Amino acid sequence: MISQSKGQLFLNVALFQLGWFACVLGAAHGYPWAGTLIVTAVVAWHLWSVPHPAVEGSLMAQVVLIGTVWDSLLVWLGWISYPTGTLLAGAAPYWIVALWALFATALNVSMRWLKGRLWLAAALGAMCGPLSYWAAARLGAVVFTQPGHALVALAVGWSVLMPALMLLSQHYDGTVVAKELAS
């Protein structure tokens, strides 16, 4: 396997942050489609740039499905709500679905170092998952209708989701290029 360059890691982190802020600020200001378009471009570029886009796309589809169900459950329970971008009552908005695809682009690149460190992934998930939602709420994109329930659920949920997604990314890694064997 050929390791990724520091430039690839930096670009992945930068594009992830760009996409996150675009979705959250777009949703907060009534333009959820704007961030979704930016994330679509980032995801397309990611799939174009990896050696095995079908494998990476499979990971992305699974992460989107898992994440959409997770966020929709939080909405359905009435613990969080989204002011914009909701197409179906009780479901996560489309810009959150886009964020899950964006998150998948980081699993095999900038989050690769977490593979095999499932306890650390769980701990970071328990802390960083709720912080991300809290930041989105502070920016106006998410509403905690039941803050206590939501934050506990987010911490517990992300402590399970993060290691599970890292395991999934081990099986679906479209970023890996195998070294050719010398003849």
Protein backbone atom coordinates (compact mmCIF):
# COMPACT_ATOMS: atom_id res chain seq x y z
CA MET A 1 0.00 0.00 0.00
CA ILE A 2 1.32 3.46 -0.89
CA SER A 3 0.87 6.04 1.85
CA GLN A 4 -0.95 9.28 1.23
CA SER A 5 1.00 12.50 0.93
CA LYS A 6 0.74 15.33 3.43
CA GLY A 7 -0.77 17.40 0.64
CA GLN A 8 -3.58 14.87 0.17
CA LEU A 9 -4.25 14.85 3.91
CA PHE A 10 -4.27 18.63 4.12
CA LEU A 11 -6.55 18.93 1.09
CA ASN A 12 -8.95 16.35 2.54
CA VAL A 13 -9.15 18.21 5.86
CA ALA A 14 -9.54 21.59 4.13
CA LEU A 15 -12.28 20.36 1.78
CA PHE A 16 -14.07 18.67 4.66
CA GLN A 17 -14.07 21.91 6.66
CA LEU A 18 -15.16 23.91 3.62
CA GLY A 19 -18.05 21.52 3.00
CA TRP A 20 -19.10 21.43 6.67
CA PHE A 21 -19.18 25.21 7.00
CA ALA A 22 -20.91 25.61 3.63
CA CYS A 23 -23.70 23.20 4.64
CA VAL A 24 -24.13 24.53 8.16
CA LEU A 25 -23.96 28.22 7.28
CA GLY A 26 -26.07 27.70 4.16
CA ALA A 27 -28.74 25.93 6.21
CA ALA A 28 -28.54 28.51 8.99
CA HIS A 29 -29.14 31.34 6.51
CA GLY A 30 -31.92 29.65 4.53
CA TYR A 31 -29.81 28.37 1.64
CA PRO A 32 -29.32 24.67 2.39
CA TRP A 33 -28.91 23.92 -1.31
CA ALA A 34 -25.73 26.03 -1.50
CA GLY A 35 -23.76 23.88 0.91
CA THR A 36 -25.16 20.75 -0.65
CA LEU A 37 -23.84 21.85 -4.06
CA ILE A 38 -20.39 22.47 -2.61
CA VAL A 39 -20.38 19.09 -0.88
CA THR A 40 -21.51 17.44 -4.12
CA ALA A 41 -18.48 18.96 -5.84
CA VAL A 42 -16.14 17.83 -3.04
CA VAL A 43 -17.56 14.30 -3.11
CA ALA A 44 -17.29 14.16 -6.92
CA TRP A 45 -13.68 15.33 -6.78
CA HIS A 46 -12.90 12.78 -4.07
CA LEU A 47 -14.37 9.93 -6.12
CA TRP A 48 -12.54 11.15 -9.22
CA SER A 49 -9.22 11.31 -7.36
CA VAL A 50 -9.18 7.88 -5.67
CA PRO A 51 -7.78 4.76 -7.36
CA HIS A 52 -10.95 2.72 -6.79
CA PRO A 53 -14.00 5.02 -6.95
CA ALA A 54 -16.53 2.16 -6.95
CA VAL A 55 -15.18 0.85 -3.64
CA GLU A 56 -15.08 4.31 -2.13
CA GLY A 57 -18.57 5.00 -3.50
CA SER A 58 -19.85 1.84 -1.83
CA LEU A 59 -18.45 3.05 1.50
CA MET A 60 -20.04 6.43 0.91
CA ALA A 61 -23.46 4.93 0.16
CA GLN A 62 -23.36 2.84 3.33
CA VAL A 63 -22.24 5.78 5.48
CA VAL A 64 -24.99 7.96 3.99
CA LEU A 65 -27.61 5.31 4.74
CA ILE A 66 -26.41 4.78 8.33
CA GLY A 67 -26.09 8.51 8.98
CA THR A 68 -29.44 9.39 7.47
CA VAL A 69 -31.19 6.78 9.60
CA TRP A 70 -29.32 8.01 12.70
CA ASP A 71 -30.14 11.69 12.18
CA SER A 72 -33.72 10.90 11.18
CA LEU A 73 -34.14 8.93 14.41
CA LEU A 74 -33.05 11.97 16.43
CA VAL A 75 -35.57 14.11 14.54
CA TRP A 76 -38.33 11.50 14.87
CA LEU A 77 -37.71 11.30 18.64
CA GLY A 78 -38.13 15.08 18.79
CA TRP A 79 -34.72 15.71 20.31
CA ILE A 80 -33.37 17.83 17.44
CA SER A 81 -34.92 19.66 14.52
CA TYR A 82 -33.66 21.37 11.42
CA PRO A 83 -35.11 24.73 10.34
CA THR A 84 -34.29 24.26 6.63
CA GLY A 85 -33.79 21.58 4.01
CA THR A 86 -36.25 19.01 5.27
CA LEU A 87 -38.06 17.23 2.44
CA LEU A 88 -39.88 14.63 4.56
CA ALA A 89 -41.39 15.26 7.99
CA GLY A 90 -39.50 13.36 10.68
CA ALA A 91 -36.45 12.87 8.48
CA ALA A 92 -33.01 14.40 8.31
CA PRO A 93 -32.70 17.29 5.83
CA TYR A 94 -30.88 16.80 2.56
CA TRP A 95 -27.93 18.94 3.64
CA ILE A 96 -27.31 16.55 6.56
CA VAL A 97 -27.39 13.66 4.11
CA ALA A 98 -24.76 15.53 2.10
CA LEU A 99 -22.67 15.96 5.26
CA TRP A 100 -22.68 12.20 5.78
CA ALA A 101 -21.29 11.74 2.25
CA LEU A 102 -18.68 14.38 3.04
CA PHE A 103 -17.80 12.59 6.28
CA ALA A 104 -17.23 9.39 4.30
CA THR A 105 -14.57 11.17 2.21
CA ALA A 106 -12.48 11.61 5.36
CA LEU A 107 -12.67 8.05 6.71
CA ASN A 108 -9.98 6.61 4.42
CA VAL A 109 -7.90 9.76 4.16
CA SER A 110 -7.59 12.17 7.09
CA MET A 111 -9.14 9.75 9.61
CA ARG A 112 -7.12 6.75 8.42
CA TRP A 113 -4.94 6.94 11.52
CA LEU A 114 -7.97 5.85 13.62
CA LYS A 115 -8.17 2.46 11.90
CA GLY A 116 -7.37 -0.24 14.43
CA ARG A 117 -7.82 2.20 17.31
CA LEU A 118 -11.46 1.52 18.00
CA TRP A 119 -11.46 2.64 21.64
CA LEU A 120 -9.92 5.95 20.61
CA ALA A 121 -12.45 6.23 17.77
CA ALA A 122 -15.24 5.64 20.30
CA ALA A 123 -13.87 8.26 22.70
CA LEU A 124 -13.38 10.83 19.94
CA GLY A 125 -16.83 10.05 18.56
CA ALA A 126 -18.40 10.58 21.98
CA MET A 127 -16.74 14.00 22.26
CA CYS A 128 -16.52 15.33 18.72
CA GLY A 129 -19.90 14.11 17.44
CA PRO A 130 -21.93 16.16 19.95
CA LEU A 131 -19.54 19.12 19.57
CA SER A 132 -20.18 19.22 15.84
CA TYR A 133 -23.95 19.32 16.36
CA TRP A 134 -23.54 21.86 19.15
CA ALA A 135 -21.49 24.10 16.84
CA ALA A 136 -24.13 23.73 14.12
CA ALA A 137 -26.80 24.68 16.67
CA ARG A 138 -24.83 27.74 17.76
CA LEU A 139 -24.61 28.79 14.11
CA GLY A 140 -28.38 28.35 13.69
CA ALA A 141 -28.57 25.22 11.51
CA VAL A 142 -29.77 22.78 14.20
CA VAL A 143 -32.22 23.20 17.07
CA PHE A 144 -31.89 21.11 20.21
CA THR A 145 -35.55 20.70 21.14
CA GLN A 146 -34.55 18.36 23.99
CA PRO A 147 -30.93 19.40 24.70
CA GLY A 148 -30.22 16.89 27.46
CA HIS A 149 -31.63 13.94 25.58
CA ALA A 150 -30.02 15.05 22.34
CA LEU A 151 -26.52 15.52 23.74
CA VAL A 152 -26.55 12.21 25.62
CA ALA A 153 -27.89 10.42 22.54
CA LEU A 154 -25.28 12.07 20.35
CA ALA A 155 -22.45 11.10 22.70
CA VAL A 156 -23.63 7.50 23.01
CA GLY A 157 -24.52 7.22 19.34
CA TRP A 158 -21.25 8.62 18.09
CA SER A 159 -19.27 6.42 20.50
CA VAL A 160 -20.79 3.49 18.58
CA LEU A 161 -20.95 5.04 15.11
CA MET A 162 -17.33 6.16 14.91
CA PRO A 163 -15.68 2.77 15.51
CA ALA A 164 -18.34 1.06 13.38
CA LEU A 165 -17.63 3.43 10.49
CA MET A 166 -13.88 2.92 10.93
CA LEU A 167 -14.41 -0.85 10.68
CA LEU A 168 -16.55 -0.34 7.60
CA SER A 169 -13.85 1.84 6.05
CA GLN A 170 -11.32 -0.96 6.53
CA HIS A 171 -13.41 -3.18 4.27
CA TYR A 172 -14.22 -0.46 1.74
CA ASP A 173 -11.05 1.50 1.10
CA GLY A 174 -10.96 2.89 -2.41
CA THR A 175 -7.93 5.05 -1.64
CA VAL A 176 -5.44 2.20 -1.42
CA VAL A 177 -3.01 1.54 -4.23
CA ALA A 178 -1.18 -1.77 -3.95
CA LYS A 179 2.48 -1.74 -4.82
CA GLU A 180 3.25 -3.78 -7.86
CA LEU A 181 5.34 -6.84 -7.18
CA ALA A 182 8.77 -6.75 -8.73
CA SER A 183 9.22 -9.41 -11.41
